[in-house]
Amino acid sequence: MIAPPEVLVLEDDGPELRALERVIRDARLEPIPASGPRQALARLANRDPLLAVIDLDMSLAPATERRASVHDVLRRLHSHHLNCIPLVYSGGVDTIDEQARVYESHPHALFQSKRHGQARLLERIEGLLGGRVGDLAIRRGTVVHLPSGATMSHRVGVTLLTARRANRSVLLRDSDARAARRFQDWLDAVGSCVLVRALGGRHYQVALRPGHDGAGGAP
């Protein structure tokens, strides 16, 4: 069951887009590259990324790509991709006015300045998609059962654990709902103290099994 978490990468500069793809792969994630807003919207029509890395400046994108805007992409993420973490990675994110415009399109957007470099971006991504829940940890896009060392590389498991750290449930597509059940089978097989709860309406959340006090769990 191998399906690494996907990351939408929206960047209009070709060499930088390829460099960002390498950063995403270094984090053991799967990049979904887009060189302009229209392409990004097309990618989102049939993909469901866990993270989106977005440049605000699309001045190098062809005019056809700029018929849509970065803010259209942010609004689509906010309305249709509730599990996705939007990370604006741009050169102009330090001003309050620019951040306010982004928040109008996606109130949960996060910011990382390009001037801090791609090494810091990698650290930020690993921080956003890392951490522990019960006896499980996320390490470079993979769920690890700490007592046994067993691993499972699947985006649904990572999505569920990342959402648990933020105290959120996850809305899954039908195919991913089946993957959540397979994740539960894996948790049973390794004897984890974590379980997957179906909340109804394709909403899922991980929780600690009864009798566990949450030591080592999500902050």
C-alpha atoms as a PDB file:
ATOM      1  CA  MET A   1       0.000   0.000   0.000  1.00  0.00           C
ATOM      2  CA  ILE A   2       2.321   2.718  -1.322  1.00  0.00           C
ATOM      3  CA  ALA A   3       0.901   6.095  -2.364  1.00  0.00           C
ATOM      4  CA  PRO A   4       2.970   9.025  -1.084  1.00  0.00           C
ATOM      5  CA  PRO A   5       1.180  12.234  -0.119  1.00  0.00           C
ATOM      6  CA  GLU A   6       0.895  14.648  -3.025  1.00  0.00           C
ATOM      7  CA  VAL A   7       1.965  18.297  -3.061  1.00  0.00           C
ATOM      8  CA  LEU A   8       0.688  20.847  -5.570  1.00  0.00           C
ATOM      9  CA  VAL A   9       3.586  23.103  -6.616  1.00  0.00           C
ATOM     10  CA  LEU A  10       2.527  26.309  -8.388  1.00  0.00           C
ATOM     11  CA  GLU A  11       5.574  28.190  -9.723  1.00  0.00           C
ATOM     12  CA  ASP A  12       5.873  30.113 -13.003  1.00  0.00           C
ATOM     13  CA  ASP A  13       9.686  30.023 -13.221  1.00  0.00           C
ATOM     14  CA  GLY A  14      10.712  26.765 -14.954  1.00  0.00           C
ATOM     15  CA  PRO A  15      14.098  26.169 -13.269  1.00  0.00           C
ATOM     16  CA  GLU A  16      12.661  27.053  -9.860  1.00  0.00           C
ATOM     17  CA  LEU A  17       9.689  24.746 -10.435  1.00  0.00           C
ATOM     18  CA  ARG A  18      12.060  21.862 -11.124  1.00  0.00           C
ATOM     19  CA  ALA A  19      14.100  22.759  -8.040  1.00  0.00           C
ATOM     20  CA  LEU A  20      10.946  22.767  -5.916  1.00  0.00           C
ATOM     21  CA  GLU A  21       9.999  19.362  -7.300  1.00  0.00           C
ATOM     22  CA  ARG A  22      13.356  18.082  -6.015  1.00  0.00           C
ATOM     23  CA  VAL A  23      12.658  19.599  -2.583  1.00  0.00           C
ATOM     24  CA  ILE A  24       9.282  17.844  -2.472  1.00  0.00           C
ATOM     25  CA  ARG A  25      10.841  14.519  -3.457  1.00  0.00           C
ATOM     26  CA  ASP A  26      13.549  15.002  -0.812  1.00  0.00           C
ATOM     27  CA  ALA A  27      10.679  15.088   1.701  1.00  0.00           C
ATOM     28  CA  ARG A  28       9.499  11.722   0.264  1.00  0.00           C
ATOM     29  CA  LEU A  29       6.388  13.366  -1.176  1.00  0.00           C
ATOM     30  CA  GLU A  30       5.002  13.367  -4.720  1.00  0.00           C
ATOM     31  CA  PRO A  31       4.985  16.744  -6.499  1.00  0.00           C
ATOM     32  CA  ILE A  32       2.115  17.840  -8.745  1.00  0.00           C
ATOM     33  CA  PRO A  33       3.835  20.597 -10.783  1.00  0.00           C
ATOM     34  CA  ALA A  34       1.915  23.498 -12.307  1.00  0.00           C
ATOM     35  CA  SER A  35       3.527  26.391 -14.172  1.00  0.00           C
ATOM     36  CA  GLY A  36       0.464  28.642 -13.982  1.00  0.00           C
ATOM     37  CA  PRO A  37      -2.914  29.077 -12.270  1.00  0.00           C
ATOM     38  CA  ARG A  38      -5.015  27.496 -15.048  1.00  0.00           C
ATOM     39  CA  GLN A  39      -2.795  24.429 -15.020  1.00  0.00           C
ATOM     40  CA  ALA A  40      -3.053  24.237 -11.237  1.00  0.00           C
ATOM     41  CA  LEU A  41      -6.858  24.350 -11.399  1.00  0.00           C
ATOM     42  CA  ALA A  42      -6.819  21.582 -14.006  1.00  0.00           C
ATOM     43  CA  ARG A  43      -4.588  19.464 -11.757  1.00  0.00           C
ATOM     44  CA  LEU A  44      -6.972  19.982  -8.829  1.00  0.00           C
ATOM     45  CA  ALA A  45      -9.903  18.689 -10.885  1.00  0.00           C
ATOM     46  CA  ASN A  46      -8.750  15.102 -10.291  1.00  0.00           C
ATOM     47  CA  ARG A  47      -6.047  15.277  -7.630  1.00  0.00           C
ATOM     48  CA  ASP A  48      -6.333  15.852  -3.892  1.00  0.00           C
ATOM     49  CA  PRO A  49      -3.015  17.129  -2.507  1.00  0.00           C
ATOM     50  CA  LEU A  50      -2.205  17.213   1.177  1.00  0.00           C
ATOM     51  CA  LEU A  51      -0.073  20.350   0.756  1.00  0.00           C
ATOM     52  CA  ALA A  52       0.093  23.166  -1.793  1.00  0.00           C
ATOM     53  CA  VAL A  53       3.256  25.264  -2.257  1.00  0.00           C
ATOM     54  CA  ILE A  54       2.201  28.428  -4.084  1.00  0.00           C
ATOM     55  CA  ASP A  55       4.117  31.364  -5.516  1.00  0.00           C
ATOM     56  CA  LEU A  56       2.061  34.572  -5.681  1.00  0.00           C
ATOM     57  CA  ASP A  57       3.990  36.152  -8.569  1.00  0.00           C
ATOM     58  CA  MET A  58       2.857  34.666 -11.901  1.00  0.00           C
ATOM     59  CA  SER A  59       4.490  37.297 -14.128  1.00  0.00           C
ATOM     60  CA  LEU A  60       6.480  34.662 -16.053  1.00  0.00           C
ATOM     61  CA  ALA A  61       3.438  32.511 -16.808  1.00  0.00           C
ATOM     62  CA  PRO A  62       1.954  32.685 -20.347  1.00  0.00           C
ATOM     63  CA  ALA A  63      -1.022  34.991 -20.792  1.00  0.00           C
ATOM     64  CA  THR A  64      -3.318  31.996 -21.266  1.00  0.00           C
ATOM     65  CA  GLU A  65      -2.326  30.731 -17.814  1.00  0.00           C
ATOM     66  CA  ARG A  66      -3.055  34.121 -16.260  1.00  0.00           C
ATOM     67  CA  ARG A  67      -6.700  34.028 -17.307  1.00  0.00           C
ATOM     68  CA  ALA A  68      -7.040  32.494 -13.866  1.00  0.00           C
ATOM     69  CA  SER A  69      -5.228  33.846 -10.822  1.00  0.00           C
ATOM     70  CA  VAL A  70      -3.371  32.488  -7.841  1.00  0.00           C
ATOM     71  CA  HIS A  71      -6.320  33.631  -5.748  1.00  0.00           C
ATOM     72  CA  ASP A  72      -8.618  31.438  -7.845  1.00  0.00           C
ATOM     73  CA  VAL A  73      -6.387  28.510  -6.892  1.00  0.00           C
ATOM     74  CA  LEU A  74      -6.472  29.459  -3.213  1.00  0.00           C
ATOM     75  CA  ARG A  75     -10.263  29.774  -3.309  1.00  0.00           C
ATOM     76  CA  ARG A  76     -10.557  26.356  -4.969  1.00  0.00           C
ATOM     77  CA  LEU A  77      -8.377  24.816  -2.263  1.00  0.00           C
ATOM     78  CA  HIS A  78     -10.494  26.418   0.442  1.00  0.00           C
ATOM     79  CA  SER A  79     -13.818  25.294  -1.032  1.00  0.00           C
ATOM     80  CA  HIS A  80     -12.991  21.859  -2.479  1.00  0.00           C
ATOM     81  CA  HIS A  81      -9.798  20.564  -0.824  1.00  0.00           C
ATOM     82  CA  LEU A  82     -10.426  20.861   2.890  1.00  0.00           C
ATOM     83  CA  ASN A  83      -7.580  18.480   3.796  1.00  0.00           C
ATOM     84  CA  CYS A  84      -4.947  20.513   1.920  1.00  0.00           C
ATOM     85  CA  ILE A  85      -2.534  22.820   3.755  1.00  0.00           C
ATOM     86  CA  PRO A  86      -1.840  25.938   1.638  1.00  0.00           C
ATOM     87  CA  LEU A  87       1.722  27.232   2.018  1.00  0.00           C
ATOM     88  CA  VAL A  88       2.386  30.475   0.156  1.00  0.00           C
ATOM     89  CA  TYR A  89       6.062  30.396  -0.818  1.00  0.00           C
ATOM     90  CA  SER A  90       6.811  33.748  -2.381  1.00  0.00           C
ATOM     91  CA  GLY A  91       9.055  36.782  -2.279  1.00  0.00           C
ATOM     92  CA  GLY A  92       6.366  39.206  -1.177  1.00  0.00           C
ATOM     93  CA  VAL A  93       4.720  37.528   1.782  1.00  0.00           C
ATOM     94  CA  ASP A  94       6.251  39.707   4.478  1.00  0.00           C
ATOM     95  CA  THR A  95       3.817  42.600   4.081  1.00  0.00           C
ATOM     96  CA  ILE A  96       0.582  42.734   6.046  1.00  0.00           C
ATOM     97  CA  ASP A  97      -1.364  43.929   2.998  1.00  0.00           C
ATOM     98  CA  GLU A  98      -0.277  40.983   0.859  1.00  0.00           C
ATOM     99  CA  GLN A  99      -1.063  38.500   3.613  1.00  0.00           C
ATOM    100  CA  ALA A 100      -4.482  40.093   4.100  1.00  0.00           C
ATOM    101  CA  ARG A 101      -5.270  39.598   0.393  1.00  0.00           C
ATOM    102  CA  VAL A 102      -4.263  35.946   0.656  1.00  0.00           C
ATOM    103  CA  TYR A 103      -6.431  35.437   3.753  1.00  0.00           C
ATOM    104  CA  GLU A 104      -9.433  36.746   1.817  1.00  0.00           C
ATOM    105  CA  SER A 105      -8.999  33.821  -0.582  1.00  0.00           C
ATOM    106  CA  HIS A 106      -7.959  31.202   1.994  1.00  0.00           C
ATOM    107  CA  PRO A 107      -8.235  32.107   5.684  1.00  0.00           C
ATOM    108  CA  HIS A 108      -5.996  29.205   6.749  1.00  0.00           C
ATOM    109  CA  ALA A 109      -3.052  29.976   4.466  1.00  0.00           C
ATOM    110  CA  LEU A 110       0.474  29.769   5.831  1.00  0.00           C
ATOM    111  CA  PHE A 111       3.481  31.745   4.642  1.00  0.00           C
ATOM    112  CA  GLN A 112       7.137  31.045   3.920  1.00  0.00           C
ATOM    113  CA  SER A 113       9.400  33.675   2.388  1.00  0.00           C
ATOM    114  CA  LYS A 114      11.547  32.673  -0.581  1.00  0.00           C
ATOM    115  CA  ARG A 115      14.412  34.739   0.787  1.00  0.00           C
ATOM    116  CA  HIS A 116      14.926  32.082   3.494  1.00  0.00           C
ATOM    117  CA  GLY A 117      15.833  29.516   0.822  1.00  0.00           C
ATOM    118  CA  GLN A 118      14.737  26.035  -0.117  1.00  0.00           C
ATOM    119  CA  ALA A 119      16.478  24.326   2.808  1.00  0.00           C
ATOM    120  CA  ARG A 120      14.191  26.244   5.169  1.00  0.00           C
ATOM    121  CA  LEU A 121      11.240  25.341   2.964  1.00  0.00           C
ATOM    122  CA  LEU A 122      12.081  21.648   3.352  1.00  0.00           C
ATOM    123  CA  GLU A 123      12.282  22.092   7.123  1.00  0.00           C
ATOM    124  CA  ARG A 124       8.894  23.828   7.109  1.00  0.00           C
ATOM    125  CA  ILE A 125       7.279  21.062   5.076  1.00  0.00           C
ATOM    126  CA  GLU A 126       8.686  18.354   7.332  1.00  0.00           C
ATOM    127  CA  GLY A 127       7.420  20.293  10.352  1.00  0.00           C
ATOM    128  CA  LEU A 128       3.929  20.651   8.912  1.00  0.00           C
ATOM    129  CA  LEU A 129       3.688  16.975   7.986  1.00  0.00           C
ATOM    130  CA  GLY A 130       5.625  15.559  10.922  1.00  0.00           C
ATOM    131  CA  GLY A 131       4.914  14.812  14.580  1.00  0.00           C
ATOM    132  CA  ARG A 132       3.438  11.998  16.664  1.00  0.00           C
ATOM    133  CA  VAL A 133       0.030  10.611  17.507  1.00  0.00           C
ATOM    134  CA  GLY A 134       0.061   7.875  20.125  1.00  0.00           C
ATOM    135  CA  ASP A 135       2.628   5.270  19.091  1.00  0.00           C
ATOM    136  CA  LEU A 136       2.741   6.533  15.500  1.00  0.00           C
ATOM    137  CA  ALA A 137       4.973   9.146  13.908  1.00  0.00           C
ATOM    138  CA  ILE A 138       5.132  10.746  10.467  1.00  0.00           C
ATOM    139  CA  ARG A 139       8.626  10.732   9.023  1.00  0.00           C
ATOM    140  CA  ARG A 140       9.244  12.009   5.497  1.00  0.00           C
ATOM    141  CA  GLY A 141       5.823  11.150   4.162  1.00  0.00           C
ATOM    142  CA  THR A 142       5.638   7.753   5.855  1.00  0.00           C
ATOM    143  CA  VAL A 143       3.681   6.547   8.895  1.00  0.00           C
ATOM    144  CA  VAL A 144       5.967   4.750  11.356  1.00  0.00           C
ATOM    145  CA  HIS A 145       4.788   2.471  14.184  1.00  0.00           C
ATOM    146  CA  LEU A 146       7.453   3.373  16.737  1.00  0.00           C
ATOM    147  CA  PRO A 147       7.421   0.211  18.914  1.00  0.00           C
ATOM    148  CA  SER A 148       7.870  -2.164  15.968  1.00  0.00           C
ATOM    149  CA  GLY A 149       9.462   0.064  13.354  1.00  0.00           C
ATOM    150  CA  ALA A 150       6.822  -1.016  10.829  1.00  0.00           C
ATOM    151  CA  THR A 151       6.044   1.585   8.158  1.00  0.00           C
ATOM    152  CA  MET A 152       3.205   2.388   5.814  1.00  0.00           C
ATOM    153  CA  SER A 153       3.631   4.811   2.930  1.00  0.00           C
ATOM    154  CA  HIS A 154       0.184   6.061   2.012  1.00  0.00           C
ATOM    155  CA  ARG A 155      -1.233   9.562   1.763  1.00  0.00           C
ATOM    156  CA  VAL A 156      -4.438   8.675   3.649  1.00  0.00           C
ATOM    157  CA  GLY A 157      -2.575   7.624   6.775  1.00  0.00           C
ATOM    158  CA  VAL A 158      -0.438  10.771   6.693  1.00  0.00           C
ATOM    159  CA  THR A 159      -3.530  12.930   6.058  1.00  0.00           C
ATOM    160  CA  LEU A 160      -5.392  11.421   9.015  1.00  0.00           C
ATOM    161  CA  LEU A 161      -2.466  11.880  11.412  1.00  0.00           C
ATOM    162  CA  THR A 162      -1.758  15.430  10.223  1.00  0.00           C
ATOM    163  CA  ALA A 163      -5.421  16.354  10.733  1.00  0.00           C
ATOM    164  CA  ARG A 164      -5.411  14.787  14.215  1.00  0.00           C
ATOM    165  CA  ARG A 165      -2.566  17.081  15.252  1.00  0.00           C
ATOM    166  CA  ALA A 166      -4.820  20.000  14.283  1.00  0.00           C
ATOM    167  CA  ASN A 167      -7.836  18.348  15.995  1.00  0.00           C
ATOM    168  CA  ARG A 168      -9.711  18.053  12.684  1.00  0.00           C
ATOM    169  CA  SER A 169     -11.573  15.269  10.946  1.00  0.00           C
ATOM    170  CA  VAL A 170     -10.862  14.384   7.318  1.00  0.00           C
ATOM    171  CA  LEU A 171     -13.368  14.239   4.465  1.00  0.00           C
ATOM    172  CA  LEU A 172     -12.335  11.400   2.146  1.00  0.00           C
ATOM    173  CA  ARG A 173     -13.348  10.416  -1.349  1.00  0.00           C
ATOM    174  CA  ASP A 174     -14.842   6.948  -1.773  1.00  0.00           C
ATOM    175  CA  SER A 175     -11.555   5.412  -2.936  1.00  0.00           C
ATOM    176  CA  ASP A 176      -9.671   7.020  -0.061  1.00  0.00           C
ATOM    177  CA  ALA A 177     -12.327   5.842   2.398  1.00  0.00           C
ATOM    178  CA  ARG A 178     -11.445   2.295   1.367  1.00  0.00           C
ATOM    179  CA  ALA A 179      -7.793   3.150   1.942  1.00  0.00           C
ATOM    180  CA  ALA A 180      -8.699   4.371   5.453  1.00  0.00           C
ATOM    181  CA  ARG A 181     -10.133   0.940   6.191  1.00  0.00           C
ATOM    182  CA  ARG A 182      -6.920  -0.670   4.934  1.00  0.00           C
ATOM    183  CA  PHE A 183      -4.993   1.711   7.188  1.00  0.00           C
ATOM    184  CA  GLN A 184      -7.077   0.431  10.115  1.00  0.00           C
ATOM    185  CA  ASP A 185      -6.201  -3.145   9.120  1.00  0.00           C
ATOM    186  CA  TRP A 186      -2.512  -2.176   9.220  1.00  0.00           C
ATOM    187  CA  LEU A 187      -2.940  -0.538  12.646  1.00  0.00           C
ATOM    188  CA  ASP A 188      -4.552  -3.749  13.936  1.00  0.00           C
ATOM    189  CA  ALA A 189      -1.772  -5.873  12.457  1.00  0.00           C
ATOM    190  CA  VAL A 190       1.025  -3.912  14.162  1.00  0.00           C
ATOM    191  CA  GLY A 191      -0.894  -3.610  17.456  1.00  0.00           C
ATOM    192  CA  SER A 192      -1.062   0.185  17.460  1.00  0.00           C
ATOM    193  CA  CYS A 193      -2.878   2.117  20.183  1.00  0.00           C
ATOM    194  CA  VAL A 194      -4.339   4.326  17.428  1.00  0.00           C
ATOM    195  CA  LEU A 195      -7.549   3.559  15.565  1.00  0.00           C
ATOM    196  CA  VAL A 196      -9.534   5.091  12.707  1.00  0.00           C
ATOM    197  CA  ARG A 197     -13.044   6.288  13.515  1.00  0.00           C
ATOM    198  CA  ALA A 198     -15.725   6.731  10.860  1.00  0.00           C
ATOM    199  CA  LEU A 199     -17.743   9.788  11.871  1.00  0.00           C
ATOM    200  CA  GLY A 200     -20.339   9.525   9.097  1.00  0.00           C
ATOM    201  CA  GLY A 201     -20.667  11.275   5.771  1.00  0.00           C
ATOM    202  CA  ARG A 202     -17.157  10.109   4.702  1.00  0.00           C
ATOM    203  CA  HIS A 203     -15.598  11.997   7.613  1.00  0.00           C
ATOM    204  CA  TYR A 204     -12.833  10.134   9.443  1.00  0.00           C
ATOM    205  CA  GLN A 205     -10.553  10.816  12.373  1.00  0.00           C
ATOM    206  CA  VAL A 206      -7.850   8.915  14.199  1.00  0.00           C
ATOM    207  CA  ALA A 207      -8.092   8.510  17.973  1.00  0.00           C
ATOM    208  CA  LEU A 208      -6.454   6.559  20.777  1.00  0.00           C
ATOM    209  CA  ARG A 209      -7.991   3.234  21.696  1.00  0.00           C
ATOM    210  CA  PRO A 210      -9.828   3.084  25.053  1.00  0.00           C
ATOM    211  CA  GLY A 211      -7.419   2.668  27.946  1.00  0.00           C
ATOM    212  CA  HIS A 212      -4.669   4.825  26.458  1.00  0.00           C
ATOM    213  CA  ASP A 213      -4.092   8.203  28.098  1.00  0.00           C
ATOM    214  CA  GLY A 214      -2.602   9.936  25.056  1.00  0.00           C
ATOM    215  CA  ALA A 215       1.006  10.020  26.213  1.00  0.00           C
ATOM    216  CA  GLY A 216       3.125  10.918  23.237  1.00  0.00           C
ATOM    217  CA  GLY A 217       0.066  11.919  21.233  1.00  0.00           C
ATOM    218  CA  ALA A 218      -0.749  15.051  19.377  1.00  0.00           C
ATOM    219  CA  PRO A 219      -0.073  18.338  21.160  1.00  0.00           C
END
